[in-house]
Structures are given as C-alpha cells and as structure tokens.
Amino acid sequence: MNHLNGKGYSKRTSEIVHGKMYNAMNKAVILGILQRKPCLGATVKGMKKQKEIQFIDSVVIPVFLQIAYQNNYHYWLYFYGAC
C-alpha cells in the first residue's frame, strides 16, 4: 500500500489492490499459512485526479461539421443539432 501511495495512483486503484490483498490474506489465515491478518488496519490513500474539460475551438467547428457531413450524414445531423 505504501508503494502505491508513493507512486501517485488514484484512490480507486489503491482500494482495489487493498481489497484483493485483504481477501488473499484472510484466505491465508483460514488455511493456516499466516497467524494473523497483515492487512488489518491498513489505510487506503490516493490522489484524486482532476479532470479538465476541453472544448473544441470555435474556428474548427465548421471544418469538423464538413468532415462529419462527408463521412456520415447521421453523425452530421447529431453534431449540427448539438452546435
């Protein structure tokens, strides 16, 4: 877990790894391979990723619509209506 926290993985990735390791360690305790659960008390940390919205430049919209019209009329209708 410390390795994942230092590498900048997202919190969800850390949660998935923690869940898998927790279940594996529980099974090892049940099978008698381990005496205690090493994942007990581990904290899940992670970085929240900020998603940045990217907009299409208004200069390229006519070119985009022209290419959409040439390739597939149905897509052109959809994009034209969205603009």
N, C-alpha and C. Protein backbone atom coordinates (compact mmCIF):
# COMPACT_ATOMS: atom_id res chain seq x y z
N MET A 1 0.82 -1.18 0.00
CA MET A 1 0.00 0.00 0.00
C MET A 1 0.88 1.26 0.00
N ASN A 2 1.95 1.22 0.76
CA ASN A 2 2.84 2.38 0.78
C ASN A 2 3.47 2.61 -0.59
N HIS A 3 3.78 1.53 -1.29
CA HIS A 3 4.35 1.66 -2.63
C HIS A 3 3.36 2.34 -3.57
N LEU A 4 2.09 1.96 -3.50
CA LEU A 4 1.07 2.57 -4.36
C LEU A 4 0.87 4.04 -4.00
N ASN A 5 0.86 4.35 -2.72
CA ASN A 5 0.65 5.74 -2.30
C ASN A 5 1.77 6.64 -2.80
N GLY A 6 2.99 6.14 -2.83
CA GLY A 6 4.12 6.94 -3.27
C GLY A 6 4.19 7.11 -4.78
N LYS A 7 3.50 6.27 -5.53
CA LYS A 7 3.55 6.34 -6.99
C LYS A 7 2.48 7.22 -7.60
N GLY A 8 1.55 7.72 -6.79
CA GLY A 8 0.54 8.64 -7.31
C GLY A 8 -0.65 7.96 -7.96
N TYR A 9 -0.91 6.70 -7.62
CA TYR A 9 -2.08 6.02 -8.16
C TYR A 9 -3.35 6.64 -7.58
N SER A 10 -4.45 6.46 -8.27
CA SER A 10 -5.72 7.01 -7.79
C SER A 10 -6.19 6.23 -6.57
N LYS A 11 -7.10 6.84 -5.84
CA LYS A 11 -7.63 6.20 -4.64
C LYS A 11 -8.36 4.92 -4.99
N ARG A 12 -9.08 4.91 -6.09
CA ARG A 12 -9.83 3.71 -6.50
C ARG A 12 -8.87 2.55 -6.79
N THR A 13 -7.76 2.81 -7.43
CA THR A 13 -6.77 1.76 -7.70
C THR A 13 -6.24 1.20 -6.38
N SER A 14 -5.95 2.09 -5.43
CA SER A 14 -5.48 1.64 -4.13
C SER A 14 -6.53 0.81 -3.41
N GLU A 15 -7.81 1.20 -3.54
CA GLU A 15 -8.90 0.44 -2.92
C GLU A 15 -9.01 -0.96 -3.51
N ILE A 16 -8.85 -1.07 -4.81
CA ILE A 16 -8.94 -2.37 -5.48
C ILE A 16 -7.80 -3.28 -5.02
N VAL A 17 -6.59 -2.75 -4.99
CA VAL A 17 -5.43 -3.54 -4.55
C VAL A 17 -5.61 -3.95 -3.09
N HIS A 18 -6.06 -3.02 -2.26
CA HIS A 18 -6.26 -3.33 -0.85
C HIS A 18 -7.30 -4.44 -0.68
N GLY A 19 -8.39 -4.37 -1.43
CA GLY A 19 -9.43 -5.40 -1.34
C GLY A 19 -8.91 -6.77 -1.74
N LYS A 20 -8.14 -6.82 -2.81
CA LYS A 20 -7.58 -8.10 -3.26
C LYS A 20 -6.60 -8.66 -2.23
N MET A 21 -5.72 -7.80 -1.72
CA MET A 21 -4.74 -8.25 -0.73
C MET A 21 -5.43 -8.66 0.57
N TYR A 22 -6.44 -7.91 0.98
CA TYR A 22 -7.17 -8.22 2.22
C TYR A 22 -7.81 -9.60 2.11
N ASN A 23 -8.46 -9.88 0.99
CA ASN A 23 -9.09 -11.18 0.79
C ASN A 23 -8.06 -12.31 0.72
N ALA A 24 -6.94 -12.05 0.07
CA ALA A 24 -5.90 -13.07 -0.03
C ALA A 24 -5.30 -13.37 1.35
N MET A 25 -5.08 -12.35 2.15
CA MET A 25 -4.52 -12.56 3.49
C MET A 25 -5.52 -13.26 4.40
N ASN A 26 -6.80 -12.93 4.26
CA ASN A 26 -7.83 -13.64 5.03
C ASN A 26 -7.83 -15.13 4.69
N LYS A 27 -7.71 -15.44 3.41
CA LYS A 27 -7.67 -16.84 2.98
C LYS A 27 -6.42 -17.53 3.53
N ALA A 28 -5.29 -16.83 3.57
CA ALA A 28 -4.06 -17.40 4.12
C ALA A 28 -4.21 -17.71 5.60
N VAL A 29 -4.94 -16.85 6.33
CA VAL A 29 -5.18 -17.11 7.75
C VAL A 29 -6.08 -18.33 7.91
N ILE A 30 -7.12 -18.43 7.11
CA ILE A 30 -8.04 -19.57 7.16
C ILE A 30 -7.31 -20.87 6.86
N LEU A 31 -6.39 -20.84 5.88
CA LEU A 31 -5.64 -22.04 5.51
C LEU A 31 -4.50 -22.34 6.49
N GLY A 32 -4.25 -21.44 7.42
CA GLY A 32 -3.20 -21.66 8.41
C GLY A 32 -1.80 -21.28 7.94
N ILE A 33 -1.71 -20.60 6.82
CA ILE A 33 -0.41 -20.16 6.30
C ILE A 33 0.11 -18.98 7.11
N LEU A 34 -0.78 -18.09 7.52
CA LEU A 34 -0.42 -16.93 8.35
C LEU A 34 -1.14 -17.04 9.69
N GLN A 35 -0.53 -16.44 10.71
CA GLN A 35 -1.13 -16.46 12.05
C GLN A 35 -2.11 -15.30 12.24
N ARG A 36 -1.84 -14.17 11.61
CA ARG A 36 -2.71 -13.00 11.77
C ARG A 36 -2.86 -12.31 10.42
N LYS A 37 -3.81 -11.39 10.35
CA LYS A 37 -4.11 -10.67 9.11
C LYS A 37 -3.23 -9.42 9.01
N PRO A 38 -2.26 -9.41 8.10
CA PRO A 38 -1.37 -8.25 8.00
C PRO A 38 -2.04 -7.01 7.40
N CYS A 39 -3.14 -7.17 6.70
CA CYS A 39 -3.81 -6.02 6.08
C CYS A 39 -4.75 -5.30 7.05
N LEU A 40 -4.92 -5.86 8.24
CA LEU A 40 -5.81 -5.25 9.21
C LEU A 40 -5.24 -3.92 9.66
N GLY A 41 -6.01 -2.87 9.55
CA GLY A 41 -5.57 -1.54 9.96
C GLY A 41 -4.88 -0.74 8.88
N ALA A 42 -4.74 -1.29 7.69
CA ALA A 42 -4.12 -0.54 6.60
C ALA A 42 -5.07 0.57 6.14
N THR A 43 -4.52 1.71 5.82
CA THR A 43 -5.34 2.82 5.34
C THR A 43 -5.15 2.98 3.84
N VAL A 44 -6.24 3.29 3.19
CA VAL A 44 -6.21 3.46 1.74
C VAL A 44 -6.11 4.94 1.46
N LYS A 45 -5.03 5.31 0.78
CA LYS A 45 -4.84 6.70 0.37
C LYS A 45 -4.73 6.72 -1.15
N GLY A 46 -4.85 7.86 -1.68
CA GLY A 46 -4.70 8.00 -3.12
C GLY A 46 -4.89 9.44 -3.52
N MET A 47 -4.55 9.70 -4.74
CA MET A 47 -4.68 11.06 -5.25
C MET A 47 -5.97 11.15 -6.06
N LYS A 48 -6.69 12.24 -5.87
CA LYS A 48 -7.87 12.49 -6.67
C LYS A 48 -7.42 13.19 -7.94
N LYS A 49 -7.84 12.62 -9.06
CA LYS A 49 -7.45 13.21 -10.33
C LYS A 49 -8.47 14.27 -10.73
N GLN A 50 -7.95 15.41 -11.09
CA GLN A 50 -8.80 16.49 -11.56
C GLN A 50 -8.95 16.36 -13.06
N LYS A 51 -10.17 16.24 -13.50
CA LYS A 51 -10.42 16.15 -14.93
C LYS A 51 -10.70 17.55 -15.47
N GLU A 52 -9.96 17.88 -16.48
CA GLU A 52 -10.11 19.19 -17.08
C GLU A 52 -10.96 19.06 -18.33
N ILE A 53 -11.99 19.88 -18.42
CA ILE A 53 -12.86 19.87 -19.59
C ILE A 53 -12.16 20.60 -20.72
N GLN A 54 -12.15 19.96 -21.89
CA GLN A 54 -11.54 20.58 -23.05
C GLN A 54 -12.63 20.84 -24.08
N PHE A 55 -12.67 22.05 -24.55
CA PHE A 55 -13.66 22.46 -25.53
C PHE A 55 -13.02 22.56 -26.90
N ILE A 56 -13.83 22.33 -27.93
CA ILE A 56 -13.35 22.48 -29.29
C ILE A 56 -13.31 23.97 -29.63
N ASP A 57 -12.29 24.36 -30.33
CA ASP A 57 -12.13 25.76 -30.71
C ASP A 57 -13.21 26.13 -31.73
N SER A 58 -13.82 27.29 -31.58
CA SER A 58 -14.93 27.68 -32.46
C SER A 58 -14.50 27.84 -33.91
N VAL A 59 -13.22 28.02 -34.16
CA VAL A 59 -12.72 28.16 -35.52
C VAL A 59 -12.81 26.83 -36.27
N VAL A 60 -12.64 25.72 -35.56
CA VAL A 60 -12.62 24.41 -36.22
C VAL A 60 -14.00 23.76 -36.33
N ILE A 61 -15.02 24.35 -35.74
CA ILE A 61 -16.35 23.73 -35.79
C ILE A 61 -16.86 23.58 -37.22
N PRO A 62 -16.77 24.59 -38.09
CA PRO A 62 -17.24 24.39 -39.47
C PRO A 62 -16.48 23.28 -40.20
N VAL A 63 -15.19 23.19 -39.99
CA VAL A 63 -14.39 22.13 -40.62
C VAL A 63 -14.83 20.77 -40.10
N PHE A 64 -15.04 20.69 -38.78
CA PHE A 64 -15.50 19.44 -38.17
C PHE A 64 -16.84 19.01 -38.74
N LEU A 65 -17.78 19.95 -38.86
CA LEU A 65 -19.10 19.63 -39.40
C LEU A 65 -19.02 19.20 -40.86
N GLN A 66 -18.14 19.83 -41.62
CA GLN A 66 -17.98 19.46 -43.03
C GLN A 66 -17.45 18.03 -43.16
N ILE A 67 -16.48 17.68 -42.35
CA ILE A 67 -15.92 16.32 -42.39
C ILE A 67 -16.96 15.32 -41.90
N ALA A 68 -17.72 15.68 -40.87
CA ALA A 68 -18.78 14.79 -40.38
C ALA A 68 -19.84 14.57 -41.45
N TYR A 69 -20.16 15.62 -42.21
CA TYR A 69 -21.16 15.50 -43.28
C TYR A 69 -20.66 14.57 -44.38
N GLN A 70 -19.37 14.67 -44.72
CA GLN A 70 -18.81 13.83 -45.78
C GLN A 70 -18.73 12.36 -45.36
N ASN A 71 -18.46 12.10 -44.10
CA ASN A 71 -18.27 10.72 -43.65
C ASN A 71 -19.57 10.01 -43.30
N ASN A 72 -20.48 10.69 -42.62
CA ASN A 72 -21.72 10.04 -42.23
C ASN A 72 -22.75 11.12 -41.94
N TYR A 73 -23.79 11.14 -42.76
CA TYR A 73 -24.81 12.16 -42.66
C TYR A 73 -25.51 12.12 -41.30
N HIS A 74 -25.71 10.93 -40.73
CA HIS A 74 -26.40 10.80 -39.45
C HIS A 74 -25.59 11.45 -38.32
N TYR A 75 -24.28 11.28 -38.36
CA TYR A 75 -23.44 11.93 -37.35
C TYR A 75 -23.48 13.44 -37.53
N TRP A 76 -23.49 13.87 -38.79
CA TRP A 76 -23.54 15.31 -39.05
C TRP A 76 -24.80 15.91 -38.45
N LEU A 77 -25.92 15.23 -38.62
CA LEU A 77 -27.19 15.74 -38.04
C LEU A 77 -27.08 15.87 -36.53
N TYR A 78 -26.50 14.86 -35.91
CA TYR A 78 -26.36 14.89 -34.46
C TYR A 78 -25.47 16.06 -34.01
N PHE A 79 -24.30 16.18 -34.63
CA PHE A 79 -23.37 17.23 -34.23
C PHE A 79 -23.89 18.61 -34.60
N TYR A 80 -24.57 18.72 -35.73
CA TYR A 80 -25.12 20.01 -36.13
C TYR A 80 -26.18 20.45 -35.14
N GLY A 81 -26.99 19.51 -34.69
CA GLY A 81 -28.02 19.82 -33.69
C GLY A 81 -27.41 20.18 -32.35
N ALA A 82 -26.28 19.59 -32.03
CA ALA A 82 -25.62 19.87 -30.76
C ALA A 82 -24.97 21.25 -30.75
N CYS A 83 -24.58 21.73 -31.93
CA CYS A 83 -23.94 23.05 -32.01
C CYS A 83 -25.03 24.09 -31.92
